[in-house]
């Protein structure tokens, strides 16, 4: 039986102070590898699992235990988050201390400090950038100077002064940019739709459509900047956007609140073929035209936080209107679903371009 004492030892090996065991497949089920007995019988004070009493027998194969009993661990850690950006990989740094969220002072904030925070947030690479003098923060300003070496698992283990400081205010809050896993939607009408591809170690791979749902779609679309809580993303099955022969990731399972797709559980062994690659269309803000003479004209309204509201006409121009009109016309058009060209008595009309084509090669625009 894997215990909290066992979890304590493993968490200390990972650089944390303590931990607890988690049962019930909270972090997903993998379909590969050996299930060890997990009965290490640690006292909880050991610095390494090799010092635990039952370590010689802990890694024997247990035929009675399968992957559905795989244990998880929560190590004690400082809660941090990035806010104020459309992307989950960048934003103003906020830290939870004594039950209160506060910002971090940018004075003496270094690349090593940013690297530790990015790793805490689940990003596998170092930070890409630091911005100081960021405004908009609320609450207290924590940690005037961190002094991380870059190798710490948590900022609580970095050298720092008092959490409370009386010299920084919210005009000197710090923001960072972490390096997220590269994801793209390929083969569609634009960067908002297409076959889902993930870049792993320099190779683009697709994702199997089996069990791919809204939680997984939410993580991907958030990474691409589509983070509206009012929108349901559309999932395409069976390689809808065309043939793709890259490797396939199987059984990608997310909770929906991950900042990066690599924080989700996935299988590295799969029987899923590229013909089952999943496609995705990320939904943006919902808009509508109200009280006009027809559906293409009216007062612009936008859905935000579950409530419809209007848009101020200050600085509104034709470029803004063009974007809205594309959104309202279900742009981009669904592939293979709409006939764009109509022909009558030798005259062909393309509804997408407005061109009329006449036999003999002549054309003009209407």
Protein backbone atom coordinates (compact mmCIF):
# COMPACT_ATOMS: atom_id res chain seq x y z
CA UNK A 1 0.00 0.00 0.00
CA UNK A 2 1.54 3.29 -1.13
CA UNK A 3 1.32 5.72 1.81
CA UNK A 4 1.72 9.42 2.55
CA UNK A 5 5.06 8.57 4.13
CA UNK A 6 6.20 7.12 0.80
CA UNK A 7 4.94 10.27 -0.94
CA UNK A 8 6.89 12.44 1.53
CA UNK A 9 10.15 10.78 0.58
CA UNK A 10 9.55 11.01 -3.17
CA UNK A 11 8.53 14.67 -2.94
CA UNK A 12 11.71 15.50 -1.03
CA UNK A 13 13.72 13.75 -3.74
CA UNK A 14 11.98 16.04 -6.26
CA UNK A 15 12.87 19.16 -4.27
CA UNK A 16 9.69 19.69 -2.25
CA UNK A 17 9.18 19.60 1.50
CA UNK A 18 6.40 17.00 1.76
CA UNK A 19 3.61 15.26 -0.13
CA UNK A 20 0.49 13.09 0.00
CA UNK A 21 -0.57 10.09 -2.07
CA UNK A 22 -3.58 10.30 -4.39
CA UNK A 23 -5.63 7.29 -5.46
CA UNK A 24 -8.45 6.90 -7.96
CA UNK A 25 -6.70 7.69 -11.25
CA UNK A 26 -6.96 11.44 -10.74
CA UNK A 27 -4.16 11.98 -13.26
CA UNK A 28 -5.34 9.56 -15.91
CA UNK A 29 -4.51 6.01 -16.90
CA UNK A 30 -1.53 4.94 -19.00
CA UNK A 31 -1.56 1.75 -21.03
CA UNK A 32 2.13 0.90 -20.97
CA UNK A 33 4.88 -0.06 -18.55
CA UNK A 34 4.99 -2.30 -15.50
CA UNK A 35 2.92 -1.76 -12.36
CA UNK A 36 5.17 -2.18 -9.32
CA UNK A 37 3.84 -3.14 -5.92
CA UNK A 38 4.53 0.34 -4.50
CA UNK A 39 4.84 -1.05 -0.96
CA UNK A 40 8.05 0.71 0.06
CA UNK A 41 7.20 0.97 3.79
CA UNK A 42 8.95 4.34 4.23
CA UNK A 43 8.95 6.01 7.63
CA UNK A 44 8.66 9.41 5.90
CA UNK A 45 11.94 10.79 7.21
CA UNK A 46 14.23 9.17 4.64
CA UNK A 47 16.04 11.36 2.12
CA UNK A 48 15.83 8.71 -0.63
CA UNK A 49 13.54 5.75 -1.33
CA UNK A 50 16.52 3.39 -1.33
CA UNK A 51 16.61 3.90 2.45
CA UNK A 52 13.03 2.71 2.92
CA UNK A 53 12.51 -0.58 4.74
CA UNK A 54 10.86 -2.59 1.96
CA UNK A 55 12.72 -1.15 -1.01
CA UNK A 56 14.22 -4.52 -2.02
CA UNK A 57 10.73 -5.88 -2.70
CA UNK A 58 8.91 -2.70 -3.74
CA UNK A 59 9.69 -3.00 -7.44
CA UNK A 60 8.62 -6.54 -7.98
CA UNK A 61 5.85 -6.99 -10.55
CA UNK A 62 2.38 -7.30 -9.00
CA UNK A 63 0.08 -9.25 -11.29
CA UNK A 64 -2.94 -8.44 -9.12
CA UNK A 65 -2.48 -4.70 -9.58
CA UNK A 66 -3.12 -3.04 -12.96
CA UNK A 67 -2.93 0.46 -14.41
CA UNK A 68 -6.33 1.41 -13.02
CA UNK A 69 -4.73 1.41 -9.54
CA UNK A 70 -1.80 3.66 -10.47
CA UNK A 71 -1.07 6.06 -7.60
CA UNK A 72 -0.55 9.80 -7.89
CA UNK A 73 1.26 12.28 -5.64
CA UNK A 74 0.69 15.90 -4.66
CA UNK A 75 3.85 17.61 -3.41
CA UNK A 76 3.50 20.70 -1.23
CA UNK A 77 4.12 23.77 -3.37
CA UNK A 78 3.55 27.49 -3.63
CA UNK A 79 0.57 28.37 -5.84
CA UNK A 80 1.51 30.70 -8.69
CA UNK A 81 -0.36 31.88 -11.80
CA UNK A 82 0.03 34.19 -14.79
CA UNK A 83 -2.82 36.65 -15.41
CA UNK A 84 -3.74 39.52 -17.71
CA UNK A 85 -2.92 37.83 -21.05
CA UNK A 86 -4.91 35.93 -23.66
CA UNK A 87 -2.27 33.17 -23.54
CA UNK A 88 -1.82 30.89 -20.50
CA UNK A 89 1.95 30.87 -21.03
CA UNK A 90 2.46 34.56 -20.28
CA UNK A 91 1.19 37.29 -17.99
CA UNK A 92 1.64 39.08 -14.68
CA UNK A 93 3.06 36.82 -11.95
CA UNK A 94 0.79 36.31 -8.97
CA UNK A 95 1.60 34.24 -5.87
CA UNK A 96 -0.68 32.84 -3.17
CA UNK A 97 0.68 33.52 0.33
CA UNK A 98 -1.27 33.24 3.59
CA UNK A 99 -4.40 32.65 1.54
CA UNK A 100 -4.06 35.94 -0.38
CA UNK A 101 -3.08 36.41 -4.03
CA UNK A 102 -0.49 39.11 -4.60
CA UNK A 103 2.01 40.22 -7.23
CA UNK A 104 5.81 39.97 -7.34
CA UNK A 105 8.06 43.01 -7.35
CA UNK A 106 10.16 43.41 -10.48
CA UNK A 107 13.14 44.89 -8.65
CA UNK A 108 16.07 42.45 -8.82
CA UNK A 109 13.84 39.88 -10.57
CA UNK A 110 16.14 37.69 -12.70
CA UNK A 111 16.03 35.12 -15.48
CA UNK A 112 16.63 32.36 -12.90
CA UNK A 113 13.56 33.51 -10.96
CA UNK A 114 11.46 33.43 -14.13
CA UNK A 115 12.79 29.97 -15.05
CA UNK A 116 11.73 28.50 -11.69
CA UNK A 117 8.23 29.98 -11.98
CA UNK A 118 7.78 28.64 -15.53
CA UNK A 119 8.84 25.17 -14.37
CA UNK A 120 6.43 25.39 -11.43
CA UNK A 121 3.63 26.11 -13.90
CA UNK A 122 4.44 22.93 -15.82
CA UNK A 123 6.39 24.36 -18.75
CA UNK A 124 9.38 22.22 -19.62
CA UNK A 125 11.61 25.02 -20.93
CA UNK A 126 13.10 28.17 -19.45
CA UNK A 127 11.33 31.54 -19.60
CA UNK A 128 11.45 33.45 -22.88
CA UNK A 129 11.11 36.95 -21.46
CA UNK A 130 10.61 39.26 -18.50
CA UNK A 131 8.69 42.52 -18.42
CA UNK A 132 8.90 44.88 -15.46
CA UNK A 133 6.75 47.88 -14.54
CA UNK A 134 3.59 45.97 -15.40
CA UNK A 135 0.44 47.62 -14.05
CA UNK A 136 -2.99 46.28 -13.13
CA UNK A 137 -2.10 44.17 -10.11
CA UNK A 138 -4.22 44.07 -6.97
CA UNK A 139 -3.60 42.98 -3.40
CA UNK A 140 -0.22 42.95 -1.68
CA UNK A 141 3.13 42.96 -3.47
CA UNK A 142 5.05 39.88 -2.33
CA UNK A 143 8.75 39.10 -2.57
CA UNK A 144 10.86 42.11 -3.47
CA UNK A 145 13.82 39.90 -4.39
CA UNK A 146 13.84 36.14 -4.96
CA UNK A 147 17.42 35.09 -5.65
CA UNK A 148 16.72 31.71 -7.29
CA UNK A 149 19.57 29.70 -8.77
CA UNK A 150 17.22 28.29 -11.42
CA UNK A 151 17.33 24.70 -10.15
CA UNK A 152 14.73 24.98 -7.38
CA UNK A 153 11.46 23.07 -7.69
CA UNK A 154 9.57 25.85 -5.89
CA UNK A 155 10.20 29.54 -5.14
CA UNK A 156 9.80 28.73 -1.43
CA UNK A 157 13.30 27.24 -1.63
CA UNK A 158 14.81 30.30 -3.30
CA UNK A 159 16.75 32.79 -1.20
CA UNK A 160 14.48 35.73 -0.50
CA UNK A 161 13.81 38.35 2.11
CA UNK A 162 10.53 38.90 3.87
CA UNK A 163 7.33 38.15 1.98
CA UNK A 164 6.05 41.55 2.98
CA UNK A 165 7.79 44.58 1.51
CA UNK A 166 7.17 48.29 1.89
CA UNK A 167 9.21 49.64 -1.02
CA UNK A 168 7.45 48.20 -4.11
CA UNK A 169 4.00 49.09 -5.40
CA UNK A 170 1.93 47.85 -8.33
CA UNK A 171 3.76 50.06 -10.82
CA UNK A 172 6.70 47.63 -10.54
CA UNK A 173 4.87 44.31 -10.89
CA UNK A 174 6.64 41.73 -13.02
CA UNK A 175 5.33 39.74 -15.98
CA UNK A 176 6.97 36.74 -17.63
CA UNK A 177 6.61 34.72 -20.81
CA UNK A 178 7.09 30.95 -20.61
CA UNK A 179 7.90 28.74 -23.57
CA UNK A 180 4.85 26.64 -24.36
CA UNK A 181 4.73 23.49 -26.45
CA UNK A 182 4.17 24.33 -30.12
CA UNK A 183 0.67 23.41 -31.29
CA UNK A 184 -1.03 24.22 -34.57
CA UNK A 185 -4.18 23.49 -36.52
CA UNK A 186 -3.04 22.45 -39.98
CA UNK A 187 -4.84 22.10 -43.30
CA UNK A 188 -7.91 24.16 -42.47
CA UNK A 189 -8.99 27.63 -43.56
CA UNK A 190 -6.73 29.46 -41.09
CA UNK A 191 -4.87 29.13 -37.81
CA UNK A 192 -8.20 28.67 -35.99
CA UNK A 193 -9.10 25.29 -37.55
CA UNK A 194 -7.47 22.18 -38.98
CA UNK A 195 -5.83 18.92 -37.97
CA UNK A 196 -4.35 19.21 -34.48
CA UNK A 197 -0.57 18.85 -34.52
CA UNK A 198 1.84 18.97 -31.57
CA UNK A 199 5.59 19.50 -31.89
CA UNK A 200 7.44 17.03 -29.70
CA UNK A 201 11.23 17.01 -29.83
CA UNK A 202 11.20 18.66 -33.25
CA UNK A 203 8.62 16.34 -34.83
CA UNK A 204 5.00 17.30 -35.57
CA UNK A 205 2.55 14.62 -34.43
CA UNK A 206 -1.21 14.34 -34.70
CA UNK A 207 -3.63 13.25 -31.97
CA UNK A 208 -6.03 10.32 -32.10
CA UNK A 209 -9.69 11.35 -32.18
CA UNK A 210 -10.69 8.60 -29.71
CA UNK A 211 -11.80 10.11 -26.39
CA UNK A 212 -10.73 13.61 -27.50
CA UNK A 213 -13.33 15.94 -25.96
CA UNK A 214 -14.04 19.48 -24.84
CA UNK A 215 -11.50 19.39 -21.98
CA UNK A 216 -8.72 18.58 -24.41
CA UNK A 217 -10.02 21.09 -26.96
CA UNK A 218 -10.14 23.80 -24.30
CA UNK A 219 -6.46 23.34 -23.46
CA UNK A 220 -5.37 23.51 -27.11
CA UNK A 221 -7.57 26.49 -27.97
CA UNK A 222 -6.44 28.36 -24.86
CA UNK A 223 -2.84 27.85 -25.98
CA UNK A 224 -3.80 29.45 -29.31
CA UNK A 225 -5.44 32.42 -27.58
CA UNK A 226 -9.09 31.31 -27.71
CA UNK A 227 -10.04 31.45 -24.05
CA UNK A 228 -13.66 32.58 -23.98
CA UNK A 229 -15.66 30.66 -21.39
CA UNK A 230 -18.85 31.15 -23.45
CA UNK A 231 -17.72 29.16 -26.47
CA UNK A 232 -17.85 25.46 -27.25
CA UNK A 233 -15.10 24.34 -29.62
CA UNK A 234 -15.94 22.07 -32.56
CA UNK A 235 -14.18 18.70 -32.85
CA UNK A 236 -13.75 16.88 -36.18
CA UNK A 237 -13.24 13.11 -36.27
CA UNK A 238 -11.61 10.74 -38.78
CA UNK A 239 -8.92 13.01 -40.25
CA UNK A 240 -11.51 15.48 -41.57
CA UNK A 241 -8.94 17.97 -42.88
CA UNK A 242 -7.01 15.54 -45.04
CA UNK A 243 -4.35 12.86 -45.01
CA UNK A 244 -1.51 13.30 -42.54
CA UNK A 245 1.20 10.69 -42.07
CA UNK A 246 2.94 12.01 -38.96
CA UNK A 247 3.04 9.98 -35.75
CA UNK A 248 -0.10 9.81 -33.67
CA UNK A 249 -0.47 10.46 -29.93
CA UNK A 250 -3.15 8.32 -28.32
CA UNK A 251 -5.42 8.77 -25.30
CA UNK A 252 -4.60 12.40 -24.61
CA UNK A 253 -6.50 13.18 -21.41
CA UNK A 254 -6.74 16.67 -19.91
CA UNK A 255 -8.64 18.18 -17.02
CA UNK A 256 -9.26 21.32 -19.07
CA UNK A 257 -7.36 23.74 -16.84
CA UNK A 258 -3.81 22.84 -17.92
CA UNK A 259 -1.63 25.66 -19.27
CA UNK A 260 0.12 23.38 -21.76
CA UNK A 261 -0.86 20.21 -23.62
CA UNK A 262 2.25 18.45 -22.29
CA UNK A 263 0.75 18.69 -18.80
CA UNK A 264 -2.01 16.34 -19.96
CA UNK A 265 -1.69 12.55 -19.80
CA UNK A 266 -0.94 10.73 -23.05
CA UNK A 267 0.05 7.28 -24.23
CA UNK A 268 3.33 6.91 -26.08
CA UNK A 269 2.28 3.60 -27.58
CA UNK A 270 -0.67 3.55 -29.93
CA UNK A 271 -2.48 1.50 -32.53
CA UNK A 272 -4.32 4.61 -33.75
CA UNK A 273 -3.65 5.43 -37.41
CA UNK A 274 -3.36 8.83 -39.09
CA UNK A 275 -6.82 8.22 -40.59
CA UNK A 276 -8.15 8.85 -37.07
CA UNK A 277 -6.36 12.16 -36.54
CA UNK A 278 -8.53 14.68 -34.72
CA UNK A 279 -9.39 18.07 -36.17
CA UNK A 280 -10.47 21.14 -34.26
CA UNK A 281 -12.07 24.52 -34.80
CA UNK A 282 -11.45 26.94 -31.94
CA UNK A 283 -14.40 29.17 -31.19
CA UNK A 284 -13.88 32.85 -30.48
CA UNK A 285 -16.24 35.44 -29.06
CA UNK A 286 -19.93 34.98 -29.94
CA UNK A 287 -21.46 37.95 -31.77
CA UNK A 288 -24.86 38.75 -33.28
CA UNK A 289 -26.72 41.56 -35.08
CA UNK A 290 -29.98 42.58 -33.41
CA UNK A 291 -33.09 44.53 -34.52
CA UNK A 292 -31.99 44.93 -38.17
CA UNK A 293 -34.10 44.40 -41.30
CA UNK A 294 -32.27 41.09 -41.99
CA UNK A 295 -29.62 38.83 -40.46
CA UNK A 296 -26.77 40.72 -42.13
CA UNK A 297 -27.57 44.09 -40.58
CA UNK A 298 -28.28 45.38 -37.10
CA UNK A 299 -26.89 46.45 -33.75
CA UNK A 300 -23.71 44.56 -32.82
CA UNK A 301 -23.96 42.55 -29.61
CA UNK A 302 -21.28 40.42 -27.95
CA UNK A 303 -21.65 37.56 -25.44
CA UNK A 304 -19.34 37.91 -22.43
CA UNK A 305 -19.55 36.04 -19.12
CA UNK A 306 -22.94 34.67 -20.16
CA UNK A 307 -24.46 38.11 -20.87
CA UNK A 308 -25.13 39.87 -24.18
CA UNK A 309 -23.94 43.48 -24.43
CA UNK A 310 -23.27 46.15 -27.04
CA UNK A 311 -20.03 47.63 -28.41
CA UNK A 312 -19.07 51.31 -28.24
CA UNK A 313 -18.71 53.00 -31.67
CA UNK A 314 -15.67 55.03 -30.60
CA UNK A 315 -12.81 54.30 -33.06
CA UNK A 316 -15.00 51.72 -34.81
CA UNK A 317 -14.04 51.35 -38.48
CA UNK A 318 -14.53 49.15 -41.56
CA UNK A 319 -11.72 46.78 -40.54
CA UNK A 320 -13.57 46.01 -37.30
CA UNK A 321 -16.82 45.52 -39.20
CA UNK A 322 -15.14 43.17 -41.69
CA UNK A 323 -13.95 40.88 -38.89
CA UNK A 324 -17.44 40.75 -37.39
CA UNK A 325 -19.03 40.01 -40.77
CA UNK A 326 -16.63 37.10 -41.33
CA UNK A 327 -17.57 35.72 -37.91
CA UNK A 328 -21.29 36.04 -38.66
CA UNK A 329 -21.06 34.30 -42.03
CA UNK A 330 -19.57 31.19 -40.38
CA UNK A 331 -16.26 32.10 -41.98
CA UNK A 332 -14.28 30.06 -42.78
CA UNK A 333 -16.73 28.00 -44.81
CA UNK A 334 -16.90 24.34 -43.80
CA UNK A 335 -14.80 22.17 -46.09
CA UNK A 336 -16.70 19.89 -48.44
CA UNK A 337 -19.99 21.14 -47.04
CA UNK A 338 -20.82 24.20 -49.20
CA UNK A 339 -21.04 24.45 -52.96
CA UNK A 340 -19.42 27.77 -53.79
CA UNK A 341 -19.89 27.77 -57.59
CA UNK A 342 -23.17 27.72 -59.47
CA UNK A 343 -23.58 27.36 -63.26
CA UNK A 344 -26.53 28.29 -65.45
CA UNK A 345 -26.59 28.26 -69.28
CA UNK A 346 -22.81 28.46 -69.60
CA UNK A 347 -22.46 31.21 -66.99
CA UNK A 348 -20.65 30.28 -63.80
CA UNK A 349 -20.90 32.35 -60.59
CA UNK A 350 -18.52 31.98 -57.61
CA UNK A 351 -20.19 33.20 -54.39
CA UNK A 352 -16.86 33.48 -52.54
CA UNK A 353 -15.18 35.90 -54.96
CA UNK A 354 -18.12 37.56 -56.67
CA UNK A 355 -16.69 36.71 -60.11
CA UNK A 356 -18.91 35.70 -63.04
CA UNK A 357 -17.21 33.38 -65.54
CA UNK A 358 -18.52 33.20 -69.11
CA UNK A 359 -17.69 30.57 -71.72
CA UNK A 360 -14.62 31.57 -73.66
CA UNK A 361 -12.65 32.57 -70.56
CA UNK A 362 -14.18 36.01 -70.00
CA UNK A 363 -14.90 37.09 -66.43
CA UNK A 364 -16.11 40.15 -64.58
CA UNK A 365 -16.86 41.04 -60.97
CA UNK A 366 -20.29 42.00 -59.65
